[in-house]
Protein backbone atom coordinates (compact mmCIF):
# COMPACT_ATOMS: atom_id res chain seq x y z
CA UNK A 1 48.58 99.93 136.58
CA UNK A 2 49.27 96.19 134.47
CA UNK A 3 53.38 96.45 133.78
CA UNK A 4 53.36 93.20 132.19
CA UNK A 5 52.23 93.98 128.62
CA UNK A 6 54.69 96.55 129.06
CA UNK A 7 57.77 94.58 130.02
CA UNK A 8 56.65 92.19 126.47
CA UNK A 9 56.73 94.95 124.43
CA UNK A 10 60.10 96.34 125.20
CA UNK A 11 61.50 92.99 124.81
CA UNK A 12 60.22 92.53 121.13
CA UNK A 13 61.47 96.38 121.05
CA UNK A 14 65.02 95.18 122.05
CA UNK A 15 65.10 91.95 119.72
CA UNK A 16 63.83 93.89 117.10
CA UNK A 17 66.13 97.18 117.55
CA UNK A 18 69.73 95.23 118.21
CA UNK A 19 70.43 95.82 114.36
CA UNK A 20 70.25 99.59 114.49
CA UNK A 21 71.90 100.27 117.85
CA UNK A 22 75.02 102.16 117.71
CA UNK A 23 78.28 99.92 117.72
CA UNK A 24 82.10 100.35 117.08
CA UNK A 25 82.04 97.56 114.43
CA UNK A 26 80.88 94.29 113.14
CA UNK A 27 80.66 91.60 116.02
CA UNK A 28 83.35 88.78 115.62
CA UNK A 29 80.63 86.48 113.80
CA UNK A 30 80.02 89.24 111.44
CA UNK A 31 84.08 89.51 110.03
CA UNK A 32 83.80 85.51 109.79
CA UNK A 33 80.80 85.93 107.76
CA UNK A 34 82.12 88.86 105.40
CA UNK A 35 85.58 87.41 104.97
CA UNK A 36 83.57 85.76 101.65
CA UNK A 37 81.19 87.15 99.59
CA UNK A 38 79.61 85.83 96.59
CA UNK A 39 81.79 82.65 96.42
CA UNK A 40 84.93 84.96 96.43
CA UNK A 41 87.20 85.25 99.26
CA UNK A 42 87.52 88.91 100.06
CA UNK A 43 90.32 88.18 103.21
CA UNK A 44 91.72 85.18 104.85
CA UNK A 45 91.27 84.42 108.44
CA UNK A 46 93.94 83.08 110.61
CA UNK A 47 93.44 81.58 114.24
CA UNK A 48 96.83 82.02 115.81
CA UNK A 49 98.59 79.44 117.06
CA UNK A 50 101.93 78.12 117.19
CA UNK A 51 102.77 77.39 114.09
CA UNK A 52 101.31 80.57 112.86
CA UNK A 53 103.77 82.53 115.35
CA UNK A 54 106.73 80.42 114.62
CA UNK A 55 106.11 81.24 110.75
CA UNK A 56 105.73 84.66 110.74
CA UNK A 57 108.51 85.36 112.88
CA UNK A 58 111.08 83.22 110.58
CA UNK A 59 110.01 84.66 107.27
CA UNK A 60 112.72 86.27 105.34
CA UNK A 61 113.80 89.98 105.94
CA UNK A 62 114.81 92.13 103.26
CA UNK A 63 119.01 92.26 103.39
CA UNK A 64 121.50 94.15 101.53
CA UNK A 65 124.11 91.72 101.59
CA UNK A 66 122.15 89.01 100.13
CA UNK A 67 120.48 91.68 97.42
CA UNK A 68 124.01 93.51 96.29
CA UNK A 69 126.12 90.04 97.14
CA UNK A 70 128.02 91.09 93.90
CA UNK A 71 129.43 94.41 94.99
CA UNK A 72 130.89 92.09 98.51
CA UNK A 73 134.57 93.85 98.02
CA UNK A 74 135.85 96.93 98.12
CA UNK A 75 135.56 98.84 95.19
CA UNK A 76 139.06 99.12 93.25
CA UNK A 77 138.71 103.41 92.67
CA UNK A 78 139.79 104.61 88.95
CA UNK A 79 140.65 107.93 88.03
CA UNK A 80 137.46 109.89 85.89
CA UNK A 81 137.06 112.35 83.38
CA UNK A 82 136.58 115.54 85.84
CA UNK A 83 138.61 114.25 88.57
CA UNK A 84 141.65 117.03 90.14
CA UNK A 85 145.05 115.31 90.17
CA UNK A 86 148.23 116.62 91.83
CA UNK A 87 151.56 115.29 90.62
CA UNK A 88 154.62 115.52 92.04
CA UNK A 89 157.82 114.74 90.57
CA UNK A 90 161.39 113.91 92.36
CA UNK A 91 164.87 113.34 90.58
CA UNK A 92 168.03 111.22 92.57
CA UNK A 93 170.08 113.59 92.24
CA UNK A 94 170.21 118.28 92.03
CA UNK A 95 170.76 119.56 88.47
CA UNK A 96 168.20 116.85 86.73
CA UNK A 97 165.11 118.43 84.44
CA UNK A 98 162.96 119.44 87.38
CA UNK A 99 165.84 120.77 90.11
CA UNK A 100 167.93 123.03 90.17
CA UNK A 101 171.59 122.79 89.56
CA UNK A 102 174.16 121.86 92.60
CA UNK A 103 175.19 124.58 94.30
CA UNK A 104 179.67 125.04 93.74
CA UNK A 105 182.03 123.27 96.27
CA UNK A 106 184.86 124.42 97.47
CA UNK A 107 188.09 122.64 96.26
CA UNK A 108 188.19 119.37 98.38
CA UNK A 109 184.71 119.36 99.51
CA UNK A 110 182.48 116.37 99.37
CA UNK A 111 178.74 117.08 98.60
CA UNK A 112 176.62 116.01 101.87
CA UNK A 113 174.18 113.45 99.46
CA UNK A 114 175.56 111.21 97.50
CA UNK A 115 173.36 110.92 94.14
CA UNK A 116 171.41 107.81 94.41
CA UNK A 117 172.99 104.40 92.67
CA UNK A 118 170.98 102.65 90.34
CA UNK A 119 170.86 99.29 92.46
CA UNK A 120 169.96 101.34 95.10
CA UNK A 121 167.13 102.41 94.12
CA UNK A 122 164.02 100.82 95.90
CA UNK A 123 161.71 98.70 94.12
CA UNK A 124 158.45 99.99 92.16
CA UNK A 125 155.71 98.45 94.96
CA UNK A 126 157.73 100.71 97.62
CA UNK A 127 158.12 103.92 96.17
CA UNK A 128 154.92 105.18 97.05
CA UNK A 129 155.62 104.46 100.95
CA UNK A 130 158.61 105.71 100.92
CA UNK A 131 158.33 109.12 99.15
CA UNK A 132 154.83 109.96 99.85
CA UNK A 133 153.12 112.21 102.66
CA UNK A 134 153.01 110.05 105.82
CA UNK A 135 150.06 107.26 105.91
CA UNK A 136 149.64 107.36 101.99
CA UNK A 137 147.08 108.68 99.77
CA UNK A 138 144.55 107.07 102.55
CA UNK A 139 145.92 109.24 104.81
CA UNK A 140 145.47 112.21 102.81
CA UNK A 141 141.40 112.12 102.28
CA UNK A 142 138.86 114.23 104.50
CA UNK A 143 135.92 112.15 104.04
CA UNK A 144 133.34 114.51 105.61
CA UNK A 145 133.63 117.16 103.40
CA UNK A 146 130.73 117.41 101.61
CA UNK A 147 132.38 119.42 98.67
CA UNK A 148 134.50 115.74 97.68
CA UNK A 149 137.26 117.67 98.62
CA UNK A 150 140.29 115.93 100.84
CA UNK A 151 142.55 116.93 102.87
CA UNK A 152 146.09 116.50 101.28
CA UNK A 153 149.09 116.83 103.71
CA UNK A 154 151.29 119.40 102.13
CA UNK A 155 153.69 118.81 100.03
CA UNK A 156 156.43 121.83 99.46
CA UNK A 157 156.54 123.39 96.29
CA UNK A 158 160.07 122.80 94.40
CA UNK A 159 162.26 125.11 96.70
CA UNK A 160 166.44 125.36 96.00
CA UNK A 161 167.75 122.81 97.32
CA UNK A 162 165.23 120.18 97.00
CA UNK A 163 164.83 117.74 94.14
CA UNK A 164 160.69 117.68 94.20
CA UNK A 165 158.54 119.43 91.57
CA UNK A 166 155.05 119.52 92.17
CA UNK A 167 152.65 120.06 89.18
CA UNK A 168 149.57 122.80 89.45
CA UNK A 169 146.90 120.47 90.26
CA UNK A 170 145.00 119.41 86.83
CA UNK A 171 141.49 118.23 85.52
CA UNK A 172 141.06 115.26 84.08
CA UNK A 173 140.03 116.49 80.78
CA UNK A 174 137.54 114.79 78.58
CA UNK A 175 139.90 113.16 76.37
CA UNK A 176 140.75 111.34 79.59
CA UNK A 177 144.66 112.82 79.99
CA UNK A 178 146.17 115.47 81.78
CA UNK A 179 149.50 117.41 80.63
CA UNK A 180 152.93 116.75 82.47
CA UNK A 181 155.47 118.93 81.37
CA UNK A 182 158.24 116.83 78.85
CA UNK A 183 156.15 113.88 79.21
CA UNK A 184 152.94 115.03 77.05
CA UNK A 185 149.44 114.03 77.64
CA UNK A 186 148.94 111.29 79.97
CA UNK A 187 145.85 108.73 79.92
CA UNK A 188 144.35 108.78 83.23
CA UNK A 189 140.73 108.17 83.04
CA UNK A 190 139.72 104.57 83.98
CA UNK A 191 142.98 103.71 85.59
CA UNK A 192 144.51 103.61 88.88
CA UNK A 193 146.86 106.25 90.57
CA UNK A 194 149.83 104.11 90.58
CA UNK A 195 149.21 102.98 86.80
CA UNK A 196 149.59 107.00 86.11
CA UNK A 197 152.33 107.12 88.32
CA UNK A 198 154.37 104.20 86.17
CA UNK A 199 153.68 105.91 82.69
CA UNK A 200 154.90 109.56 83.80
CA UNK A 201 158.34 108.13 85.15
CA UNK A 202 158.51 105.34 81.59
CA UNK A 203 157.77 109.05 79.85
CA UNK A 204 160.87 110.63 81.63
CA UNK A 205 162.94 107.96 82.14
CA UNK A 206 165.20 109.05 79.26
CA UNK A 207 164.85 112.86 80.08
CA UNK A 208 164.98 113.26 83.78
CA UNK A 209 167.63 111.75 86.43
CA UNK A 210 165.83 108.54 87.47
CA UNK A 211 162.70 109.84 88.31
CA UNK A 212 159.72 109.14 90.68
CA UNK A 213 156.37 110.11 90.45
CA UNK A 214 153.38 110.32 93.19
CA UNK A 215 150.05 110.84 91.91
CA UNK A 216 147.06 111.97 94.38
CA UNK A 217 143.60 112.55 93.34
CA UNK A 218 142.68 115.78 95.24
CA UNK A 219 138.94 115.68 94.47
CA UNK A 220 136.39 113.53 92.30
CA UNK A 221 133.03 113.02 92.07
CA UNK A 222 132.93 110.18 90.20
CA UNK A 223 134.07 107.56 93.32
CA UNK A 224 131.93 109.22 95.72
CA UNK A 225 128.88 108.27 97.15
CA UNK A 226 125.85 110.86 97.37
CA UNK A 227 124.30 110.60 101.13
CA UNK A 228 120.58 112.56 101.50
CA UNK A 229 119.69 112.27 105.28
CA UNK A 230 115.71 112.96 105.10
CA UNK A 231 114.33 114.47 108.92
CA UNK A 232 110.78 113.89 108.59
CA UNK A 233 110.10 111.50 106.05
CA UNK A 234 110.25 109.70 102.69
CA UNK A 235 108.93 107.73 99.98
CA UNK A 236 109.58 103.61 101.22
CA UNK A 237 110.57 101.11 98.06
CA UNK A 238 109.18 97.73 98.15
CA UNK A 239 110.86 94.92 99.62
CA UNK A 240 112.07 92.36 97.16
CA UNK A 241 112.02 89.83 100.08
CA UNK A 242 108.91 88.77 100.00
CA UNK A 243 107.35 91.88 102.05
CA UNK A 244 106.89 95.74 101.38
CA UNK A 245 108.65 98.43 103.21
CA UNK A 246 107.21 100.80 106.00
CA UNK A 247 103.79 102.36 104.86
CA UNK A 248 104.22 105.29 107.65
CA UNK A 249 102.81 108.61 106.74
CA UNK A 250 104.96 110.16 104.27
CA UNK A 251 105.79 114.25 105.01
CA UNK A 252 106.88 116.76 103.13
CA UNK A 253 110.64 118.14 104.05
CA UNK A 254 113.58 119.16 103.06
CA UNK A 255 116.51 116.80 102.98
CA UNK A 256 120.23 117.38 103.71
CA UNK A 257 122.72 116.17 101.74
CA UNK A 258 126.60 115.45 100.89
CA UNK A 259 128.63 113.65 98.60
CA UNK A 260 130.79 111.27 100.36
CA UNK A 261 134.55 110.83 98.79
CA UNK A 262 135.54 107.11 99.12
CA UNK A 263 138.77 105.88 99.96
CA UNK A 264 141.10 103.28 98.43
CA UNK A 265 141.11 100.88 101.48
CA UNK A 266 136.94 101.15 101.13
CA UNK A 267 133.83 102.57 103.13
CA UNK A 268 131.13 100.61 104.49
CA UNK A 269 127.56 102.25 104.82
CA UNK A 270 127.75 103.73 108.67
CA UNK A 271 131.31 104.83 107.70
CA UNK A 272 129.79 106.97 105.02
CA UNK A 273 126.67 107.87 106.91
CA UNK A 274 128.64 109.03 109.62
CA UNK A 275 131.23 111.31 107.55
CA UNK A 276 127.99 113.27 105.97
CA UNK A 277 126.88 113.80 109.23
CA UNK A 278 124.87 110.93 110.77
CA UNK A 279 120.84 110.21 111.69
CA UNK A 280 119.65 112.96 113.71
CA UNK A 281 116.11 111.00 114.24
CA UNK A 282 115.16 108.41 116.54
CA UNK A 283 117.34 104.77 115.47
CA UNK A 284 113.90 103.13 115.29
CA UNK A 285 112.08 105.51 113.04
CA UNK A 286 115.15 105.78 110.43
CA UNK A 287 115.44 103.50 107.50
CA UNK A 288 118.56 102.87 105.32
CA UNK A 289 117.56 102.49 101.06
CA UNK A 290 120.30 102.16 98.73
CA UNK A 291 120.04 102.79 95.29
CA UNK A 292 122.67 100.88 93.28
CA UNK A 293 122.87 99.73 89.44
CA UNK A 294 119.14 100.08 89.07
CA UNK A 295 118.22 98.10 91.97
CA UNK A 296 116.96 99.65 95.51
CA UNK A 297 116.37 98.17 98.83
CA UNK A 298 115.33 99.64 102.26
CA UNK A 299 116.51 98.53 105.64
CA UNK A 300 116.04 99.50 108.90
CA UNK A 301 118.89 101.39 110.47
CA UNK A 302 118.74 99.29 113.24
CA UNK A 303 119.12 96.56 111.19
CA UNK A 304 122.50 97.55 109.92
CA UNK A 305 123.79 98.61 113.30
CA UNK A 306 123.41 95.87 114.69
CA UNK A 307 124.18 92.90 111.88
CA UNK A 308 127.44 93.77 110.81
CA UNK A 309 126.67 91.37 107.61
CA UNK A 310 124.71 94.14 106.60
CA UNK A 311 127.21 96.83 106.73
CA UNK A 312 128.68 96.16 102.88
CA UNK A 313 131.19 98.47 101.08
CA UNK A 314 130.01 101.48 99.38
CA UNK A 315 130.24 101.82 95.92
CA UNK A 316 131.16 104.55 93.97
CA UNK A 317 127.68 105.56 92.04
CA UNK A 318 125.83 104.66 94.89
CA UNK A 319 122.79 106.71 96.48
CA UNK A 320 122.18 106.42 100.63
CA UNK A 321 119.01 107.80 101.63
CA UNK A 322 118.69 107.63 105.46
CA UNK A 323 114.67 108.08 105.37
CA UNK A 324 112.55 108.94 109.10
CA UNK A 325 108.92 106.83 108.90
CA UNK A 326 107.58 106.73 111.93
CA UNK A 327 105.83 103.31 112.60
CA UNK A 328 102.45 102.93 113.40
CA UNK A 329 99.52 100.94 114.09
CA UNK A 330 95.55 101.80 114.44
CA UNK A 331 93.36 99.92 117.11
CA UNK A 332 89.89 100.22 116.90
CA UNK A 333 86.97 98.64 118.74
CA UNK A 334 86.38 97.82 122.38
CA UNK A 335 89.77 98.60 123.91
CA UNK A 336 90.86 101.45 126.29
CA UNK A 337 92.14 103.65 123.46
CA UNK A 338 91.20 103.65 120.13
CA UNK A 339 93.73 105.74 118.12
CA UNK A 340 96.67 105.74 115.84
CA UNK A 341 99.47 104.79 118.30
CA UNK A 342 103.42 104.67 117.47
CA UNK A 343 105.94 101.71 118.18
CA UNK A 344 108.32 104.16 119.68
CA UNK A 345 110.27 100.92 120.01
CA UNK A 346 112.07 98.64 117.42
CA UNK A 347 109.62 96.15 116.53
CA UNK A 348 107.12 95.82 119.03
CA UNK A 349 104.73 92.76 119.74
CA UNK A 350 101.37 92.33 119.97
CA UNK A 351 101.06 91.78 123.46
CA UNK A 352 102.77 95.53 123.83
CA UNK A 353 100.19 96.86 121.22
CA UNK A 354 97.42 95.84 123.43
CA UNK A 355 99.13 97.22 126.63
CA UNK A 356 99.67 100.75 124.56
CA UNK A 357 95.83 100.64 123.49
CA UNK A 358 95.10 100.23 127.57
CA UNK A 359 94.10 97.09 126.79
CA UNK A 360 90.38 94.88 126.20
CA UNK A 361 87.42 96.68 127.73
CA UNK A 362 85.82 94.95 130.55
CA UNK A 363 82.31 96.21 129.61
CA UNK A 364 82.74 95.54 125.96
CA UNK A 365 84.91 93.55 124.51
CA UNK A 366 84.51 90.25 123.33
CA UNK A 367 87.75 87.99 124.12
CA UNK A 368 87.33 86.02 121.48
CA UNK A 369 86.91 88.61 118.64
CA UNK A 370 90.25 90.31 118.82
CA UNK A 371 91.64 90.53 115.02
CA UNK A 372 94.41 92.08 113.36
CA UNK A 373 94.29 93.30 109.40
CA UNK A 374 97.29 93.39 107.69
CA UNK A 375 98.48 92.93 103.87
CA UNK A 376 100.92 90.04 103.97
CA UNK A 377 102.89 89.02 100.70
CA UNK A 378 101.80 86.23 98.33
CA UNK A 379 104.73 84.12 99.70
CA UNK A 380 103.30 84.14 103.00
CA UNK A 381 99.78 83.51 102.37
CA UNK A 382 100.91 80.53 100.80
CA UNK A 383 102.65 79.18 103.53
CA UNK A 384 100.04 79.45 105.37
CA UNK A 385 98.40 77.43 103.47
CA UNK A 386 95.86 79.55 102.60
CA UNK A 387 94.15 80.39 99.31
CA UNK A 388 94.80 83.95 98.21
CA UNK A 389 91.82 86.69 98.24
CA UNK A 390 90.20 87.90 95.16
CA UNK A 391 91.28 91.59 96.44
CA UNK A 392 95.03 90.68 96.07
CA UNK A 393 96.95 93.45 94.52
CA UNK A 394 100.96 94.11 94.64
CA UNK A 395 101.87 90.82 95.59
CA UNK A 396 100.15 90.96 98.77
CA UNK A 397 96.91 89.66 100.06
CA UNK A 398 94.30 90.54 103.05
CA UNK A 399 94.87 88.51 106.19
CA UNK A 400 92.56 88.84 109.54
CA UNK A 401 94.57 87.15 112.53
CA UNK A 402 92.42 86.17 115.25
CA UNK A 403 93.31 85.74 118.68
CA UNK A 404 90.64 84.24 121.34
CA UNK A 405 92.05 86.01 124.54
CA UNK A 406 89.50 83.62 126.87
CA UNK A 407 92.40 81.73 126.60
CA UNK A 408 95.50 82.03 128.77
CA UNK A 409 97.95 80.79 126.17
CA UNK A 410 96.53 83.55 123.61
CA UNK A 411 98.88 86.07 126.03
CA UNK A 412 102.15 84.11 124.89
CA UNK A 413 101.00 83.91 121.32
CA UNK A 414 100.70 87.82 121.55
CA UNK A 415 103.94 88.20 122.96
CA UNK A 416 105.74 86.55 120.37
CA UNK A 417 103.22 88.05 117.44
CA UNK A 418 105.41 90.58 115.32
CA UNK A 419 103.25 94.07 114.63
CA UNK A 420 104.25 95.74 111.23
CA UNK A 421 104.10 99.28 110.43
CA UNK A 422 99.95 100.53 109.42
CA UNK A 423 98.61 96.95 110.89
CA UNK A 424 95.42 97.17 112.48
CA UNK A 425 93.72 95.65 115.71
CA UNK A 426 90.21 95.65 115.67
CA UNK A 427 88.46 94.18 118.92
CA UNK A 428 84.65 93.39 118.54
CA UNK A 429 81.91 94.09 121.35
CA UNK A 430 80.50 91.07 123.34
CA UNK A 431 77.10 90.15 122.53
CA UNK A 432 75.94 91.02 126.02
CA UNK A 433 77.21 94.62 125.00
CA UNK A 434 74.58 95.47 122.73
CA UNK A 435 71.77 94.35 125.48
CA UNK A 436 73.74 96.90 127.87
CA UNK A 437 73.45 99.54 125.43
CA UNK A 438 69.54 98.58 124.97
CA UNK A 439 68.70 98.93 128.16
CA UNK A 440 71.02 102.17 129.03
CA UNK A 441 68.85 103.64 126.07
CA UNK A 442 65.71 102.73 126.88
CA UNK A 443 66.28 103.59 130.33
CA UNK A 444 67.09 107.23 129.54
CA UNK A 445 63.66 107.35 127.71
CA UNK A 446 61.52 105.02 130.13
CA UNK A 447 62.92 105.91 133.20
CA UNK A 448 61.34 109.13 133.93
CA UNK A 449 57.84 108.52 132.54
CA UNK A 450 58.04 104.76 135.03
CA UNK A 451 59.14 106.99 137.54
CA UNK A 452 56.33 109.70 137.45
CA UNK A 453 53.93 106.91 136.82
CA UNK A 454 54.73 105.27 140.18
CA UNK A 455 54.70 108.48 141.96
CA UNK A 456 51.08 109.14 140.92
CA UNK A 457 50.19 105.71 142.08
CA UNK A 458 51.55 106.11 145.53
CA UNK A 459 49.70 109.18 145.42
CA UNK A 460 46.52 107.98 144.82
CA UNK A 461 45.97 110.30 142.46
CA UNK A 462 44.97 110.45 138.69
CA UNK A 463 47.65 111.01 135.94
């Protein structure tokens, strides 16, 4: 039996059948050809070198300190309508407008406490420290109460023998005022507690014995931050620093939240988050989203922790969300593992991503055909001296970064190349892989036939 014609036929069949053999994706040459169609650029191809890696690593990140630079100092907290105030009034001696008369003394006896002489009266700026509870108003605040309550160091109610009177707590009414006996309606909204104290003292100056007032904000809704802690997912906000927020999967989940009142000395974002209960998810999967004055910015929680400049002061009315967004990348083609793989760390490189996907497949991979696909901000594409693709949308353009792992230097570059959430890593098959697939398929079909023919020939029988 002459097998030569059969072999020639098989080779011809192979050459014609390479196009219909199954494969995991395009070849490296196909990717290069498909980057353009009809004279339009569908996506840019970038051969990765030191300049490209340096440019990507130097791209500006979203920064809260830059976005909200106008509010870098602690806020001046002012009383608002709806706040609950406590007012305490002291007099210099018994028998005044708010104190009981001094008890009668035996003939010739001297009082234990002499009335306070005018020249001995402390300056206005020292009154609060001398008369207030230990630690002042700042020491009275309990920031971890989600209801907005504050811890008030007990100021005793007026009792016989004492010269202080505590007026019942009252809410600032719609006209922005509170009522103080013998002083009338006192404007409070939009003013500080110290300003209200001075007004009360001035109103009572002609009626009480050298009155001194202490005003404490017991409960406030206006001077608070709303904190939302989402443990399963969230909606990322677009970054205005030339990037996009993480594009991880969004899951539906209930969020727990709190309203955290601010202290007069100012509270930074991490303090507010801790007061609300803190993040309950891994740091590398947590993102902090701050909404203030119509602007929103999102940064990783790790960035907030590791860069003190980002831990800015919270402002009244802020909405602070801690969102869980698992960071993942997808792998396709000639690698040991095709899957959506989580980062499981804060910021990984391409080398680490390849290791998580079990590296290139020795039998299939084209080492010069490793591509990483992602959408880059148009500003980054311009910095790479590349044209914006026709399919660009939302200020981002598709880019395919090409690595040639047949060159050992590519592995050093991969160690520095930063991965991003949503990246797609594809490794094309080598040209010889198609031949291997063809002959494997051919063997499974013709092997039994050829074996039978050989058996028949050796047995000198007619088949």
